[in-house]
Amino acid sequence: MTITEIHINLRDEEKLKAFVNITFDDVFVIRGLKIIEGKEGLFVCMPSRKLEDGTYKDIAHPITNEFRRLMENQILEEFRRQSSEAALRPVAPGHGGDL
């Protein structure tokens, strides 16, 4: 299975850094992954739902640790690339910058 597309929607929040959609073999997509800033750095959260007891359960996730690492590495690499590009873009007038 090959990751054929990673769509990153950057966020500017304290812990939530991005929402992610990932496509496999151009035929299967998983939406709703999150990139979170934790105590030990960035990590990827799988899409989940809240259970009646208040806990969360993943609704889609890798089965093997090897594939999880591969997926996380590619997602975080794309996140860092897009974050760097966004930081280099000039701020449009009226959208931040000097007052």
PDB file of N, CA and C in Angstrom:
ATOM      1  N   MET A   1       0.851  -1.168   0.000  1.00  0.00           N
ATOM      2  CA  MET A   1       0.000   0.000   0.000  1.00  0.00           C
ATOM      3  C   MET A   1       0.898   1.232   0.000  1.00  0.00           C
ATOM      4  N   THR A   2       0.584   2.157  -0.894  1.00  0.00           N
ATOM      5  CA  THR A   2       1.395   3.353  -1.051  1.00  0.00           C
ATOM      6  C   THR A   2       0.575   4.593  -0.719  1.00  0.00           C
ATOM      7  N   ILE A   3       1.174   5.502   0.003  1.00  0.00           N
ATOM      8  CA  ILE A   3       0.539   6.786   0.277  1.00  0.00           C
ATOM      9  C   ILE A   3       0.705   7.635  -0.974  1.00  0.00           C
ATOM     10  N   THR A   4      -0.423   8.013  -1.583  1.00  0.00           N
ATOM     11  CA  THR A   4      -0.372   8.764  -2.833  1.00  0.00           C
ATOM     12  C   THR A   4      -0.710  10.240  -2.675  1.00  0.00           C
ATOM     13  N   GLU A   5      -1.304  10.616  -1.547  1.00  0.00           N
ATOM     14  CA  GLU A   5      -1.585  12.032  -1.306  1.00  0.00           C
ATOM     15  C   GLU A   5      -1.711  12.280   0.188  1.00  0.00           C
ATOM     16  N   ILE A   6      -1.156  13.404   0.614  1.00  0.00           N
ATOM     17  CA  ILE A   6      -1.310  13.862   1.989  1.00  0.00           C
ATOM     18  C   ILE A   6      -1.786  15.307   1.906  1.00  0.00           C
ATOM     19  N   HIS A   7      -2.980  15.551   2.412  1.00  0.00           N
ATOM     20  CA  HIS A   7      -3.535  16.906   2.417  1.00  0.00           C
ATOM     21  C   HIS A   7      -3.473  17.439   3.842  1.00  0.00           C
ATOM     22  N   ILE A   8      -2.766  18.551   4.017  1.00  0.00           N
ATOM     23  CA  ILE A   8      -2.563  19.159   5.334  1.00  0.00           C
ATOM     24  C   ILE A   8      -3.349  20.467   5.398  1.00  0.00           C
ATOM     25  N   ASN A   9      -4.125  20.637   6.459  1.00  0.00           N
ATOM     26  CA  ASN A   9      -4.823  21.894   6.721  1.00  0.00           C
ATOM     27  C   ASN A   9      -4.219  22.472   7.998  1.00  0.00           C
ATOM     28  N   LEU A  10      -3.295  23.417   7.830  1.00  0.00           N
ATOM     29  CA  LEU A  10      -2.571  23.989   8.965  1.00  0.00           C
ATOM     30  C   LEU A  10      -3.508  24.733   9.900  1.00  0.00           C
ATOM     31  N   ARG A  11      -3.236  24.641  11.192  1.00  0.00           N
ATOM     32  CA  ARG A  11      -3.992  25.342  12.232  1.00  0.00           C
ATOM     33  C   ARG A  11      -2.989  26.147  13.051  1.00  0.00           C
ATOM     34  N   ASP A  12      -3.455  27.193  13.671  1.00  0.00           N
ATOM     35  CA  ASP A  12      -2.592  28.024  14.506  1.00  0.00           C
ATOM     36  C   ASP A  12      -3.124  27.993  15.936  1.00  0.00           C
ATOM     37  N   GLU A  13      -3.100  26.806  16.525  1.00  0.00           N
ATOM     38  CA  GLU A  13      -3.590  26.616  17.883  1.00  0.00           C
ATOM     39  C   GLU A  13      -2.451  26.121  18.764  1.00  0.00           C
ATOM     40  N   GLU A  14      -2.652  26.192  20.075  1.00  0.00           N
ATOM     41  CA  GLU A  14      -1.573  25.829  20.998  1.00  0.00           C
ATOM     42  C   GLU A  14      -1.096  24.392  20.793  1.00  0.00           C
ATOM     43  N   LYS A  15      -2.027  23.435  20.753  1.00  0.00           N
ATOM     44  CA  LYS A  15      -1.637  22.031  20.617  1.00  0.00           C
ATOM     45  C   LYS A  15      -1.977  21.449  19.255  1.00  0.00           C
ATOM     46  N   LEU A  16      -3.130  21.791  18.712  1.00  0.00           N
ATOM     47  CA  LEU A  16      -3.536  21.271  17.402  1.00  0.00           C
ATOM     48  C   LEU A  16      -2.822  22.057  16.313  1.00  0.00           C
ATOM     49  N   LYS A  17      -1.975  21.383  15.559  1.00  0.00           N
ATOM     50  CA  LYS A  17      -1.173  22.045  14.531  1.00  0.00           C
ATOM     51  C   LYS A  17      -1.716  21.852  13.121  1.00  0.00           C
ATOM     52  N   ALA A  18      -2.488  20.762  12.900  1.00  0.00           N
ATOM     53  CA  ALA A  18      -3.046  20.538  11.554  1.00  0.00           C
ATOM     54  C   ALA A  18      -4.060  19.404  11.579  1.00  0.00           C
ATOM     55  N   PHE A  19      -4.989  19.485  10.614  1.00  0.00           N
ATOM     56  CA  PHE A  19      -5.842  18.355  10.276  1.00  0.00           C
ATOM     57  C   PHE A  19      -5.244  17.728   9.033  1.00  0.00           C
ATOM     58  N   VAL A  20      -5.393  16.406   8.893  1.00  0.00           N
ATOM     59  CA  VAL A  20      -4.761  15.690   7.786  1.00  0.00           C
ATOM     60  C   VAL A  20      -5.748  14.712   7.152  1.00  0.00           C
ATOM     61  N   ASN A  21      -5.727  14.668   5.815  1.00  0.00           N
ATOM     62  CA  ASN A  21      -6.401  13.614   5.058  1.00  0.00           C
ATOM     63  C   ASN A  21      -5.315  12.885   4.291  1.00  0.00           C
ATOM     64  N   ILE A  22      -5.374  11.568   4.270  1.00  0.00           N
ATOM     65  CA  ILE A  22      -4.336  10.777   3.615  1.00  0.00           C
ATOM     66  C   ILE A  22      -4.986   9.785   2.654  1.00  0.00           C
ATOM     67  N   THR A  23      -4.421   9.701   1.445  1.00  0.00           N
ATOM     68  CA  THR A  23      -4.956   8.815   0.410  1.00  0.00           C
ATOM     69  C   THR A  23      -3.958   7.699   0.126  1.00  0.00           C
ATOM     70  N   PHE A  24      -4.487   6.494  -0.045  1.00  0.00           N
ATOM     71  CA  PHE A  24      -3.676   5.318  -0.351  1.00  0.00           C
ATOM     72  C   PHE A  24      -4.011   4.821  -1.752  1.00  0.00           C
ATOM     73  N   ASP A  25      -2.972   4.569  -2.539  1.00  0.00           N
ATOM     74  CA  ASP A  25      -3.105   3.984  -3.880  1.00  0.00           C
ATOM     75  C   ASP A  25      -4.134   4.709  -4.750  1.00  0.00           C
ATOM     76  N   ASP A  26      -4.333   6.004  -4.513  1.00  0.00           N
ATOM     77  CA  ASP A  26      -5.306   6.812  -5.266  1.00  0.00           C
ATOM     78  C   ASP A  26      -6.725   6.261  -5.231  1.00  0.00           C
ATOM     79  N   VAL A  27      -7.041   5.384  -4.254  1.00  0.00           N
ATOM     80  CA  VAL A  27      -8.377   4.779  -4.228  1.00  0.00           C
ATOM     81  C   VAL A  27      -9.026   4.758  -2.840  1.00  0.00           C
ATOM     82  N   PHE A  28      -8.283   5.080  -1.779  1.00  0.00           N
ATOM     83  CA  PHE A  28      -8.850   4.992  -0.428  1.00  0.00           C
ATOM     84  C   PHE A  28      -8.347   6.160   0.403  1.00  0.00           C
ATOM     85  N   VAL A  29      -9.260   6.890   1.045  1.00  0.00           N
ATOM     86  CA  VAL A  29      -8.877   8.058   1.833  1.00  0.00           C
ATOM     87  C   VAL A  29      -9.307   7.884   3.281  1.00  0.00           C
ATOM     88  N   ILE A  30      -8.469   8.386   4.185  1.00  0.00           N
ATOM     89  CA  ILE A  30      -8.814   8.484   5.601  1.00  0.00           C
ATOM     90  C   ILE A  30      -8.747   9.965   5.945  1.00  0.00           C
ATOM     91  N   ARG A  31      -9.853  10.483   6.466  1.00  0.00           N
ATOM     92  CA  ARG A  31      -9.945  11.892   6.833  1.00  0.00           C
ATOM     93  C   ARG A  31      -9.959  12.025   8.360  1.00  0.00           C
ATOM     94  N   GLY A  32      -9.517  13.172   8.818  1.00  0.00           N
ATOM     95  CA  GLY A  32      -9.660  13.479  10.238  1.00  0.00           C
ATOM     96  C   GLY A  32      -8.485  13.116  11.125  1.00  0.00           C
ATOM     97  N   LEU A  33      -7.312  12.857  10.538  1.00  0.00           N
ATOM     98  CA  LEU A  33      -6.123  12.694  11.366  1.00  0.00           C
ATOM     99  C   LEU A  33      -5.745  14.075  11.895  1.00  0.00           C
ATOM    100  N   LYS A  34      -5.007  14.129  12.999  1.00  0.00           N
ATOM    101  CA  LYS A  34      -4.572  15.392  13.579  1.00  0.00           C
ATOM    102  C   LYS A  34      -3.089  15.345  13.878  1.00  0.00           C
ATOM    103  N   ILE A  35      -2.443  16.477  13.704  1.00  0.00           N
ATOM    104  CA  ILE A  35      -1.060  16.633  14.161  1.00  0.00           C
ATOM    105  C   ILE A  35      -1.128  17.460  15.437  1.00  0.00           C
ATOM    106  N   ILE A  36      -0.585  16.884  16.511  1.00  0.00           N
ATOM    107  CA  ILE A  36      -0.658  17.476  17.841  1.00  0.00           C
ATOM    108  C   ILE A  36       0.753  17.764  18.343  1.00  0.00           C
ATOM    109  N   GLU A  37       0.912  18.904  19.020  1.00  0.00           N
ATOM    110  CA  GLU A  37       2.175  19.228  19.693  1.00  0.00           C
ATOM    111  C   GLU A  37       2.071  18.707  21.115  1.00  0.00           C
ATOM    112  N   GLY A  38       2.853  17.675  21.424  1.00  0.00           N
ATOM    113  CA  GLY A  38       2.858  17.085  22.761  1.00  0.00           C
ATOM    114  C   GLY A  38       4.088  17.500  23.537  1.00  0.00           C
ATOM    115  N   LYS A  39       4.235  16.946  24.717  1.00  0.00           N
ATOM    116  CA  LYS A  39       5.380  17.268  25.573  1.00  0.00           C
ATOM    117  C   LYS A  39       6.704  16.873  24.931  1.00  0.00           C
ATOM    118  N   GLU A  40       6.677  15.809  24.116  1.00  0.00           N
ATOM    119  CA  GLU A  40       7.911  15.323  23.493  1.00  0.00           C
ATOM    120  C   GLU A  40       7.983  15.630  22.007  1.00  0.00           C
ATOM    121  N   GLY A  41       7.164  16.562  21.525  1.00  0.00           N
ATOM    122  CA  GLY A  41       7.199  16.955  20.122  1.00  0.00           C
ATOM    123  C   GLY A  41       5.906  16.609  19.404  1.00  0.00           C
ATOM    124  N   LEU A  42       5.978  16.675  18.066  1.00  0.00           N
ATOM    125  CA  LEU A  42       4.805  16.435  17.246  1.00  0.00           C
ATOM    126  C   LEU A  42       4.481  14.952  17.149  1.00  0.00           C
ATOM    127  N   PHE A  43       3.171  14.638  17.073  1.00  0.00           N
ATOM    128  CA  PHE A  43       2.748  13.275  16.800  1.00  0.00           C
ATOM    129  C   PHE A  43       1.426  13.303  16.044  1.00  0.00           C
ATOM    130  N   VAL A  44       1.089  12.188  15.418  1.00  0.00           N
ATOM    131  CA  VAL A  44      -0.115  12.066  14.606  1.00  0.00           C
ATOM    132  C   VAL A  44      -1.158  11.262  15.375  1.00  0.00           C
ATOM    133  N   CYS A  45      -2.376  11.818  15.462  1.00  0.00           N
ATOM    134  CA  CYS A  45      -3.513  11.126  16.086  1.00  0.00           C
ATOM    135  C   CYS A  45      -4.416  10.599  14.981  1.00  0.00           C
ATOM    136  N   MET A  46      -4.838   9.378  15.130  1.00  0.00           N
ATOM    137  CA  MET A  46      -5.763   8.780  14.181  1.00  0.00           C
ATOM    138  C   MET A  46      -7.172   9.329  14.422  1.00  0.00           C
ATOM    139  N   PRO A  47      -8.043   9.261  13.414  1.00  0.00           N
ATOM    140  CA  PRO A  47      -9.427   9.700  13.628  1.00  0.00           C
ATOM    141  C   PRO A  47     -10.078   8.831  14.701  1.00  0.00           C
ATOM    142  N   SER A  48     -10.867   9.453  15.557  1.00  0.00           N
ATOM    143  CA  SER A  48     -11.469   8.709  16.663  1.00  0.00           C
ATOM    144  C   SER A  48     -12.864   9.225  16.946  1.00  0.00           C
ATOM    145  N   ARG A  49     -13.569   8.475  17.782  1.00  0.00           N
ATOM    146  CA  ARG A  49     -14.886   8.916  18.230  1.00  0.00           C
ATOM    147  C   ARG A  49     -14.943   8.767  19.744  1.00  0.00           C
ATOM    148  N   LYS A  50     -15.777   9.616  20.342  1.00  0.00           N
ATOM    149  CA  LYS A  50     -15.925   9.605  21.794  1.00  0.00           C
ATOM    150  C   LYS A  50     -16.955   8.551  22.177  1.00  0.00           C
ATOM    151  N   LEU A  51     -16.587   7.709  23.141  1.00  0.00           N
ATOM    152  CA  LEU A  51     -17.485   6.674  23.636  1.00  0.00           C
ATOM    153  C   LEU A  51     -18.333   7.212  24.785  1.00  0.00           C
ATOM    154  N   GLU A  52     -19.348   6.457  25.156  1.00  0.00           N
ATOM    155  CA  GLU A  52     -20.254   6.885  26.224  1.00  0.00           C
ATOM    156  C   GLU A  52     -19.542   7.133  27.545  1.00  0.00           C
ATOM    157  N   ASP A  53     -18.453   6.394  27.803  1.00  0.00           N
ATOM    158  CA  ASP A  53     -17.725   6.569  29.068  1.00  0.00           C
ATOM    159  C   ASP A  53     -16.742   7.743  29.038  1.00  0.00           C
ATOM    160  N   GLY A  54     -16.731   8.500  27.925  1.00  0.00           N
ATOM    161  CA  GLY A  54     -15.873   9.672  27.816  1.00  0.00           C
ATOM    162  C   GLY A  54     -14.510   9.406  27.217  1.00  0.00           C
ATOM    163  N   THR A  55     -14.168   8.143  26.994  1.00  0.00           N
ATOM    164  CA  THR A  55     -12.891   7.810  26.371  1.00  0.00           C
ATOM    165  C   THR A  55     -13.045   7.889  24.852  1.00  0.00           C
ATOM    166  N   TYR A  56     -11.917   7.865  24.163  1.00  0.00           N
ATOM    167  CA  TYR A  56     -11.914   7.917  22.703  1.00  0.00           C
ATOM    168  C   TYR A  56     -11.377   6.614  22.143  1.00  0.00           C
ATOM    169  N   LYS A  57     -11.917   6.201  21.000  1.00  0.00           N
ATOM    170  CA  LYS A  57     -11.473   4.985  20.330  1.00  0.00           C
ATOM    171  C   LYS A  57     -11.179   5.311  18.872  1.00  0.00           C
ATOM    172  N   ASP A  58      -9.995   4.889  18.404  1.00  0.00           N
ATOM    173  CA  ASP A  58      -9.642   5.092  17.001  1.00  0.00           C
ATOM    174  C   ASP A  58     -10.647   4.372  16.113  1.00  0.00           C
ATOM    175  N   ILE A  59     -11.050   5.028  15.021  1.00  0.00           N
ATOM    176  CA  ILE A  59     -11.941   4.381  14.066  1.00  0.00           C
ATOM    177  C   ILE A  59     -11.184   3.886  12.839  1.00  0.00           C
ATOM    178  N   ALA A  60      -9.944   4.318  12.700  1.00  0.00           N
ATOM    179  CA  ALA A  60      -9.051   3.817  11.654  1.00  0.00           C
ATOM    180  C   ALA A  60      -7.634   3.966  12.184  1.00  0.00           C
ATOM    181  N   HIS A  61      -6.818   2.929  11.984  1.00  0.00           N
ATOM    182  CA  HIS A  61      -5.437   3.007  12.467  1.00  0.00           C
ATOM    183  C   HIS A  61      -4.593   1.923  11.810  1.00  0.00           C
ATOM    184  N   PRO A  62      -3.269   2.153  11.742  1.00  0.00           N
ATOM    185  CA  PRO A  62      -2.369   1.129  11.216  1.00  0.00           C
ATOM    186  C   PRO A  62      -2.343  -0.083  12.139  1.00  0.00           C
ATOM    187  N   ILE A  63      -2.176  -1.254  11.561  1.00  0.00           N
ATOM    188  CA  ILE A  63      -2.116  -2.495  12.340  1.00  0.00           C
ATOM    189  C   ILE A  63      -0.704  -2.731  12.877  1.00  0.00           C
ATOM    190  N   THR A  64       0.309  -2.426  12.056  1.00  0.00           N
ATOM    191  CA  THR A  64       1.682  -2.694  12.484  1.00  0.00           C
ATOM    192  C   THR A  64       2.393  -1.405  12.882  1.00  0.00           C
ATOM    193  N   ASN A  65       3.334  -1.530  13.805  1.00  0.00           N
ATOM    194  CA  ASN A  65       4.145  -0.380  14.203  1.00  0.00           C
ATOM    195  C   ASN A  65       4.980   0.133  13.045  1.00  0.00           C
ATOM    196  N   GLU A  66       5.442  -0.766  12.196  1.00  0.00           N
ATOM    197  CA  GLU A  66       6.255  -0.378  11.043  1.00  0.00           C
ATOM    198  C   GLU A  66       5.474   0.551  10.116  1.00  0.00           C
ATOM    199  N   PHE A  67       4.233   0.174   9.804  1.00  0.00           N
ATOM    200  CA  PHE A  67       3.439   1.020   8.912  1.00  0.00           C
ATOM    201  C   PHE A  67       3.045   2.323   9.601  1.00  0.00           C
ATOM    202  N   ARG A  68       2.788   2.288  10.905  1.00  0.00           N
ATOM    203  CA  ARG A  68       2.481   3.516  11.643  1.00  0.00           C
ATOM    204  C   ARG A  68       3.653   4.490  11.547  1.00  0.00           C
ATOM    205  N   ARG A  69       4.872   4.003  11.754  1.00  0.00           N
ATOM    206  CA  ARG A  69       6.058   4.867  11.659  1.00  0.00           C
ATOM    207  C   ARG A  69       6.200   5.438  10.261  1.00  0.00           C
ATOM    208  N   LEU A  70       6.018   4.600   9.239  1.00  0.00           N
ATOM    209  CA  LEU A  70       6.115   5.050   7.845  1.00  0.00           C
ATOM    210  C   LEU A  70       5.103   6.166   7.586  1.00  0.00           C
ATOM    211  N   MET A  71       3.863   5.945   7.993  1.00  0.00           N
ATOM    212  CA  MET A  71       2.805   6.913   7.777  1.00  0.00           C
ATOM    213  C   MET A  71       3.080   8.214   8.534  1.00  0.00           C
ATOM    214  N   GLU A  72       3.427   8.112   9.818  1.00  0.00           N
ATOM    215  CA  GLU A  72       3.716   9.298  10.621  1.00  0.00           C
ATOM    216  C   GLU A  72       4.883  10.085  10.048  1.00  0.00           C
ATOM    217  N   ASN A  73       5.938   9.387   9.631  1.00  0.00           N
ATOM    218  CA  ASN A  73       7.104  10.071   9.068  1.00  0.00           C
ATOM    219  C   ASN A  73       6.737  10.864   7.822  1.00  0.00           C
ATOM    220  N   GLN A  74       5.957  10.268   6.925  1.00  0.00           N
ATOM    221  CA  GLN A  74       5.573  10.969   5.702  1.00  0.00           C
ATOM    222  C   GLN A  74       4.647  12.146   5.995  1.00  0.00           C
ATOM    223  N   ILE A  75       3.701  11.954   6.913  1.00  0.00           N
ATOM    224  CA  ILE A  75       2.778  13.037   7.277  1.00  0.00           C
ATOM    225  C   ILE A  75       3.548  14.193   7.914  1.00  0.00           C
ATOM    226  N   LEU A  76       4.424  13.903   8.867  1.00  0.00           N
ATOM    227  CA  LEU A  76       5.160  14.971   9.551  1.00  0.00           C
ATOM    228  C   LEU A  76       6.153  15.657   8.612  1.00  0.00           C
ATOM    229  N   GLU A  77       6.729  14.919   7.677  1.00  0.00           N
ATOM    230  CA  GLU A  77       7.617  15.526   6.682  1.00  0.00           C
ATOM    231  C   GLU A  77       6.841  16.532   5.830  1.00  0.00           C
ATOM    232  N   GLU A  78       5.652  16.145   5.375  1.00  0.00           N
ATOM    233  CA  GLU A  78       4.827  17.060   4.578  1.00  0.00           C
ATOM    234  C   GLU A  78       4.363  18.247   5.423  1.00  0.00           C
ATOM    235  N   PHE A  79       4.008  18.022   6.669  1.00  0.00           N
ATOM    236  CA  PHE A  79       3.615  19.103   7.571  1.00  0.00           C
ATOM    237  C   PHE A  79       4.755  20.113   7.724  1.00  0.00           C
ATOM    238  N   ARG A  80       5.946  19.631   7.956  1.00  0.00           N
ATOM    239  CA  ARG A  80       7.096  20.532   8.143  1.00  0.00           C
ATOM    240  C   ARG A  80       7.384  21.318   6.863  1.00  0.00           C
ATOM    241  N   ARG A  81       7.260  20.649   5.712  1.00  0.00           N
ATOM    242  CA  ARG A  81       7.481  21.333   4.434  1.00  0.00           C
ATOM    243  C   ARG A  81       6.470  22.463   4.258  1.00  0.00           C
ATOM    244  N   GLN A  82       5.198  22.162   4.483  1.00  0.00           N
ATOM    245  CA  GLN A  82       4.163  23.177   4.308  1.00  0.00           C
ATOM    246  C   GLN A  82       4.267  24.286   5.352  1.00  0.00           C
ATOM    247  N   SER A  83       4.631  23.932   6.575  1.00  0.00           N
ATOM    248  CA  SER A  83       4.801  24.942   7.628  1.00  0.00           C
ATOM    249  C   SER A  83       5.933  25.896   7.276  1.00  0.00           C
ATOM    250  N   SER A  84       7.027  25.363   6.734  1.00  0.00           N
ATOM    251  CA  SER A  84       8.166  26.202   6.331  1.00  0.00           C
ATOM    252  C   SER A  84       7.774  27.134   5.201  1.00  0.00           C
ATOM    253  N   GLU A  85       7.029  26.612   4.225  1.00  0.00           N
ATOM    254  CA  GLU A  85       6.576  27.448   3.109  1.00  0.00           C
ATOM    255  C   GLU A  85       5.652  28.555   3.603  1.00  0.00           C
ATOM    256  N   ALA A  86       4.746  28.226   4.518  1.00  0.00           N
ATOM    257  CA  ALA A  86       3.805  29.211   5.048  1.00  0.00           C
ATOM    258  C   ALA A  86       4.545  30.316   5.799  1.00  0.00           C
ATOM    259  N   ALA A  87       5.606  29.959   6.502  1.00  0.00           N
ATOM    260  CA  ALA A  87       6.373  30.939   7.269  1.00  0.00           C
ATOM    261  C   ALA A  87       7.112  31.903   6.350  1.00  0.00           C
ATOM    262  N   LEU A  88       7.425  31.476   5.128  1.00  0.00           N
ATOM    263  CA  LEU A  88       8.159  32.319   4.191  1.00  0.00           C
ATOM    264  C   LEU A  88       7.264  33.240   3.379  1.00  0.00           C
ATOM    265  N   ARG A  89       5.951  32.962   3.349  1.00  0.00           N
ATOM    266  CA  ARG A  89       5.026  33.798   2.574  1.00  0.00           C
ATOM    267  C   ARG A  89       4.884  35.167   3.222  1.00  0.00           C
ATOM    268  N   PRO A  90       4.865  36.218   2.389  1.00  0.00           N
ATOM    269  CA  PRO A  90       4.651  37.552   2.958  1.00  0.00           C
ATOM    270  C   PRO A  90       3.225  37.673   3.491  1.00  0.00           C
ATOM    271  N   VAL A  91       3.077  38.472   4.535  1.00  0.00           N
ATOM    272  CA  VAL A  91       1.764  38.719   5.125  1.00  0.00           C
ATOM    273  C   VAL A  91       1.042  39.747   4.259  1.00  0.00           C
ATOM    274  N   ALA A  92      -0.200  39.434   3.861  1.00  0.00           N
ATOM    275  CA  ALA A  92      -0.990  40.356   3.046  1.00  0.00           C
ATOM    276  C   ALA A  92      -1.373  41.561   3.879  1.00  0.00           C
ATOM    277  N   PRO A  93      -1.456  42.765   3.253  1.00  0.00           N
ATOM    278  CA  PRO A  93      -1.871  43.957   3.995  1.00  0.00           C
ATOM    279  C   PRO A  93      -3.214  43.732   4.674  1.00  0.00           C
ATOM    280  N   GLY A  94      -3.300  44.159   5.936  1.00  0.00           N
ATOM    281  CA  GLY A  94      -4.539  44.002   6.688  1.00  0.00           C
ATOM    282  C   GLY A  94      -4.707  42.642   7.320  1.00  0.00           C
ATOM    283  N   HIS A  95      -3.684  41.761   7.197  1.00  0.00           N
ATOM    284  CA  HIS A  95      -3.774  40.407   7.740  1.00  0.00           C
ATOM    285  C   HIS A  95      -2.631  40.125   8.706  1.00  0.00           C
ATOM    286  N   GLY A  96      -2.331  41.026   9.572  1.00  0.00           N
ATOM    287  CA  GLY A  96      -1.260  40.811  10.551  1.00  0.00           C
ATOM    288  C   GLY A  96      -0.072  41.701  10.228  1.00  0.00           C
ATOM    289  N   GLY A  97       1.019  41.393  10.853  1.00  0.00           N
ATOM    290  CA  GLY A  97       2.232  42.175  10.617  1.00  0.00           C
ATOM    291  C   GLY A  97       2.239  43.436  11.471  1.00  0.00           C
ATOM    292  N   ASP A  98       2.922  44.491  10.990  1.00  0.00           N
ATOM    293  CA  ASP A  98       3.043  45.747  11.756  1.00  0.00           C
ATOM    294  C   ASP A  98       1.714  46.462  11.825  1.00  0.00           C
ATOM    295  N   LEU A  99       1.496  47.084  12.966  1.00  0.00           N
ATOM    296  CA  LEU A  99       0.263  47.886  13.150  1.00  0.00           C
ATOM    297  C   LEU A  99       0.466  49.303  12.715  1.00  0.00           C
TER     298      LEU A  99
END
